[in-house]
C-alpha atoms as a PDB file:
ATOM      1  CA  ALA A   1      -0.009   0.003  -0.004  1.00  0.00           C
ATOM      2  CA  VAL A   2       2.932   2.356   0.613  1.00  0.00           C
ATOM      3  CA  PRO A   3       4.096   2.358  -3.024  1.00  0.00           C
ATOM      4  CA  ALA A   4       0.539   3.148  -4.089  1.00  0.00           C
ATOM      5  CA  PHE A   5       0.395   6.136  -1.691  1.00  0.00           C
ATOM      6  CA  ILE A   6       3.751   7.421  -2.901  1.00  0.00           C
ATOM      7  CA  ALA A   7       2.700   7.046  -6.543  1.00  0.00           C
ATOM      8  CA  LEU A   8      -0.625   8.812  -5.918  1.00  0.00           C
ATOM      9  CA  ALA A   9       1.111  11.628  -4.032  1.00  0.00           C
ATOM     10  CA  VAL A  10       3.590  12.215  -6.849  1.00  0.00           C
ATOM     11  CA  TYR A  11       0.811  11.892  -9.457  1.00  0.00           C
ATOM     12  CA  ALA A  12      -1.247  14.518  -7.600  1.00  0.00           C
ATOM     13  CA  LEU A  13       1.534  17.147  -7.753  1.00  0.00           C
ATOM     14  CA  LEU A  14       1.351  17.948 -11.482  1.00  0.00           C
ATOM     15  CA  PRO A  15      -2.130  19.572 -11.587  1.00  0.00           C
ATOM     16  CA  ILE A  16      -1.510  21.404  -8.335  1.00  0.00           C
ATOM     17  CA  VAL A  17       1.954  22.750  -9.327  1.00  0.00           C
ATOM     18  CA  ARG A  18       0.856  23.596 -12.879  1.00  0.00           C
ATOM     19  CA  ASN A  19      -2.278  25.486 -11.691  1.00  0.00           C
ATOM     20  CA  THR A  20      -0.338  27.330  -9.006  1.00  0.00           C
ATOM     21  CA  HIS A  21       2.307  28.390 -11.490  1.00  0.00           C
ATOM     22  CA  THR A  22      -0.298  29.472 -14.012  1.00  0.00           C
ATOM     23  CA  ALA A  23      -2.307  31.366 -11.441  1.00  0.00           C
ATOM     24  CA  LEU A  24       0.694  33.290 -10.088  1.00  0.00           C
ATOM     25  CA  THR A  25       2.111  34.111 -13.544  1.00  0.00           C
ATOM     26  CA  GLN A  26      -1.311  35.451 -14.757  1.00  0.00           C
ATOM     27  CA  ILE A  27      -1.299  38.212 -12.152  1.00  0.00           C
ATOM     28  CA  THR A  28      -0.554  41.417 -14.009  1.00  0.00           C
ATOM     29  CA  VAL A  29       2.553  43.504 -13.387  1.00  0.00           C
ATOM     30  CA  GLY A  30       0.255  46.453 -12.755  1.00  0.00           C
ATOM     31  CA  MET A  31      -1.240  44.691  -9.754  1.00  0.00           C
ATOM     32  CA  ARG A  32       2.175  44.062  -8.311  1.00  0.00           C
ATOM     33  CA  GLN A  33       3.316  47.634  -8.979  1.00  0.00           C
ATOM     34  CA  ALA A  34       0.180  49.066  -7.423  1.00  0.00           C
ATOM     35  CA  ALA A  35       0.827  47.049  -4.239  1.00  0.00           C
ATOM     36  CA  GLN A  36       4.494  48.163  -4.232  1.00  0.00           C
ATOM     37  CA  SER A  37       3.515  51.766  -4.643  1.00  0.00           C
ATOM     38  CA  LEU A  38       1.328  51.427  -1.497  1.00  0.00           C
ATOM     39  CA  GLY A  39       4.483  50.354   0.385  1.00  0.00           C
ATOM     40  CA  MET A  40       3.799  46.623   0.564  1.00  0.00           C
ATOM     41  CA  ARG A  41       6.740  44.249   0.870  1.00  0.00           C
ATOM     42  CA  ALA A  42       7.132  41.133  -1.233  1.00  0.00           C
ATOM     43  CA  GLY A  43       5.737  38.830   1.456  1.00  0.00           C
ATOM     44  CA  THR A  44       2.766  41.036   2.023  1.00  0.00           C
ATOM     45  CA  ILE A  45       2.069  41.287  -1.729  1.00  0.00           C
ATOM     46  CA  LEU A  46       2.184  37.494  -1.964  1.00  0.00           C
ATOM     47  CA  THR A  47      -0.164  36.880   0.967  1.00  0.00           C
ATOM     48  CA  LYS A  48      -2.559  39.809   0.568  1.00  0.00           C
ATOM     49  CA  ILE A  49      -2.717  40.213  -3.252  1.00  0.00           C
ATOM     50  CA  GLU A  50      -1.304  37.351  -5.256  1.00  0.00           C
ATOM     51  CA  LEU A  51      -2.490  34.252  -3.330  1.00  0.00           C
ATOM     52  CA  PRO A  52      -6.090  35.541  -2.907  1.00  0.00           C
ATOM     53  CA  LEU A  53      -6.244  36.300  -6.665  1.00  0.00           C
ATOM     54  CA  ALA A  54      -4.673  32.900  -7.513  1.00  0.00           C
ATOM     55  CA  ALA A  55      -6.792  30.952  -5.052  1.00  0.00           C
ATOM     56  CA  PRO A  56      -9.607  29.883  -7.487  1.00  0.00           C
ATOM     57  CA  THR A  57      -7.101  28.404  -9.911  1.00  0.00           C
ATOM     58  CA  ILE A  58      -5.006  26.754  -7.171  1.00  0.00           C
ATOM     59  CA  LEU A  59      -8.104  25.178  -5.694  1.00  0.00           C
ATOM     60  CA  ALA A  60      -9.116  23.960  -9.112  1.00  0.00           C
ATOM     61  CA  GLY A  61      -5.799  22.152  -9.348  1.00  0.00           C
ATOM     62  CA  ILE A  62      -6.268  20.583  -5.876  1.00  0.00           C
ATOM     63  CA  LYS A  63      -9.820  19.548  -6.827  1.00  0.00           C
ATOM     64  CA  THR A  64      -8.609  17.981 -10.095  1.00  0.00           C
ATOM     65  CA  SER A  65      -5.855  16.067  -8.231  1.00  0.00           C
ATOM     66  CA  ALA A  66      -8.283  14.765  -5.657  1.00  0.00           C
ATOM     67  CA  VAL A  67     -10.810  13.524  -8.230  1.00  0.00           C
ATOM     68  CA  ILE A  68      -8.133  12.025 -10.476  1.00  0.00           C
ATOM     69  CA  ASN A  69      -6.589  10.244  -7.478  1.00  0.00           C
ATOM     70  CA  VAL A  70      -9.826   8.535  -6.565  1.00  0.00           C
ATOM     71  CA  GLY A  71      -9.947   7.040 -10.088  1.00  0.00           C
ATOM     72  CA  THR A  72      -6.281   6.246 -10.120  1.00  0.00           C
ATOM     73  CA  ALA A  73      -6.379   4.602  -6.739  1.00  0.00           C
ATOM     74  CA  THR A  74      -8.507   1.857  -8.176  1.00  0.00           C
ATOM     75  CA  ILE A  75      -5.599   0.918 -10.376  1.00  0.00           C
ATOM     76  CA  ALA A  76      -3.519   0.363  -7.238  1.00  0.00           C
ATOM     77  CA  ALA A  77      -5.208  -3.006  -6.848  1.00  0.00           C
ATOM     78  CA  PHE A  78      -2.897  -4.294  -9.561  1.00  0.00           C
ATOM     79  CA  ILE A  79       0.031  -3.882  -7.136  1.00  0.00           C
ATOM     80  CA  GLY A  80      -1.841  -5.424  -4.149  1.00  0.00           C
ATOM     81  CA  ALA A  81      -3.128  -2.196  -2.553  1.00  0.00           C
ATOM     82  CA  GLY A  82      -6.757  -3.326  -2.399  1.00  0.00           C
ATOM     83  CA  GLY A  83      -9.692  -0.955  -2.143  1.00  0.00           C
ATOM     84  CA  TYR A  84     -12.486  -0.667  -4.733  1.00  0.00           C
ATOM     85  CA  GLY A  85      -9.952  -1.568  -7.464  1.00  0.00           C
ATOM     86  CA  GLU A  86      -9.735  -5.100  -6.057  1.00  0.00           C
ATOM     87  CA  ARG A  87     -13.402  -5.672  -6.869  1.00  0.00           C
ATOM     88  CA  ILE A  88     -12.899  -4.195 -10.331  1.00  0.00           C
ATOM     89  CA  VAL A  89      -9.873  -6.428 -11.028  1.00  0.00           C
ATOM     90  CA  THR A  90     -11.690  -9.513  -9.784  1.00  0.00           C
ATOM     91  CA  GLY A  91     -14.722  -8.679 -11.808  1.00  0.00           C
ATOM     92  CA  LEU A  92     -12.591  -8.244 -14.904  1.00  0.00           C
ATOM     93  CA  ALA A  93     -10.763 -11.549 -14.279  1.00  0.00           C
ATOM     94  CA  LEU A  94     -13.966 -13.557 -13.635  1.00  0.00           C
ATOM     95  CA  ASN A  95     -16.019 -11.701 -16.230  1.00  0.00           C
ATOM     96  CA  ASP A  96     -18.424 -10.891 -13.360  1.00  0.00           C
ATOM     97  CA  HIS A  97     -20.150  -7.649 -14.234  1.00  0.00           C
ATOM     98  CA  ALA A  98     -21.840  -7.351 -10.782  1.00  0.00           C
ATOM     99  CA  MET A  99     -18.461  -7.612  -9.024  1.00  0.00           C
ATOM    100  CA  LEU A 100     -16.912  -5.086 -11.453  1.00  0.00           C
ATOM    101  CA  LEU A 101     -19.783  -2.644 -10.815  1.00  0.00           C
ATOM    102  CA  ALA A 102     -19.531  -3.177  -7.062  1.00  0.00           C
ATOM    103  CA  GLY A 103     -16.142  -1.555  -7.302  1.00  0.00           C
ATOM    104  CA  ALA A 104     -16.675   0.938 -10.081  1.00  0.00           C
ATOM    105  CA  ILE A 105     -19.923   2.532  -8.856  1.00  0.00           C
ATOM    106  CA  PRO A 106     -18.641   3.363  -5.366  1.00  0.00           C
ATOM    107  CA  ALA A 107     -15.448   4.720  -6.779  1.00  0.00           C
ATOM    108  CA  ALA A 108     -17.383   6.956  -9.179  1.00  0.00           C
ATOM    109  CA  VAL A 109     -19.750   8.101  -6.435  1.00  0.00           C
ATOM    110  CA  LEU A 110     -16.752   8.906  -4.188  1.00  0.00           C
ATOM    111  CA  ALA A 111     -15.198  10.962  -6.943  1.00  0.00           C
ATOM    112  CA  LEU A 112     -18.395  12.875  -7.479  1.00  0.00           C
ATOM    113  CA  LEU A 113     -18.793  13.496  -3.705  1.00  0.00           C
ATOM    114  CA  ILE A 114     -15.231  14.801  -3.505  1.00  0.00           C
ATOM    115  CA  GLU A 115     -15.833  17.130  -6.455  1.00  0.00           C
ATOM    116  CA  GLY A 116     -19.034  18.391  -4.850  1.00  0.00           C
ATOM    117  CA  GLY A 117     -17.286  18.938  -1.555  1.00  0.00           C
ATOM    118  CA  PHE A 118     -14.657  21.011  -3.249  1.00  0.00           C
ATOM    119  CA  ARG A 119     -17.311  23.045  -4.998  1.00  0.00           C
ATOM    120  CA  PHE A 120     -18.930  23.753  -1.646  1.00  0.00           C
ATOM    121  CA  GLY A 121     -15.535  24.513  -0.163  1.00  0.00           C
ATOM    122  CA  GLU A 122     -14.677  26.937  -2.985  1.00  0.00           C
ATOM    123  CA  ARG A 123     -17.886  28.917  -2.267  1.00  0.00           C
ATOM    124  CA  TRP A 124     -16.944  29.087   1.395  1.00  0.00           C
ATOM    125  CA  MET A 125     -13.252  29.928   0.871  1.00  0.00           C
ATOM    126  CA  ILE A 126     -13.233  32.256  -2.148  1.00  0.00           C
ATOM    127  CA  PRO A 127     -14.840  35.674  -1.811  1.00  0.00           C
ATOM    128  CA  ALA A 128     -17.805  36.324  -4.107  1.00  0.00           C
ATOM    129  CA  GLY A 129     -15.921  39.008  -6.063  1.00  0.00           C
ATOM    130  CA  LEU A 130     -13.180  36.564  -6.968  1.00  0.00           C
ATOM    131  CA  ARG A 131     -15.420  33.668  -8.077  1.00  0.00           C
ATOM    132  CA  ARG A 132     -15.833  33.148 -11.808  1.00  0.00           C
ATOM    133  CA  ALA A 133     -19.367  33.046 -13.124  1.00  0.00           C
ATOM    134  CA  SER A 134     -20.339  29.460 -13.980  1.00  0.00           C
END
């Protein structure tokens, strides 16, 4: 199970790092200069201006990683990690559709619940003025 956790943790980094980098580089130079002209230091600009503006995109990367990891965790059954993937693998091996669905449906529901939880969390964490219309 430890190799599966390590692989999932490493696999989760790409969307988070990519979205964080994208979000921070999309902040205009004018925003940074305006904050500097008000006398803010680099650390204050990061915490008070850049991170709040980047938060929706960063959270989208975290949400993407969480949902992808639920689906990817089912593959960990191939290396003996168990979980819902074990039922899927057994169902595939035995051509037992009921067993396969007994693993696939809960995994899909879990992914949807995690995605819904992140949507709720985004509403709570991100100010209304920074949320994108959807």
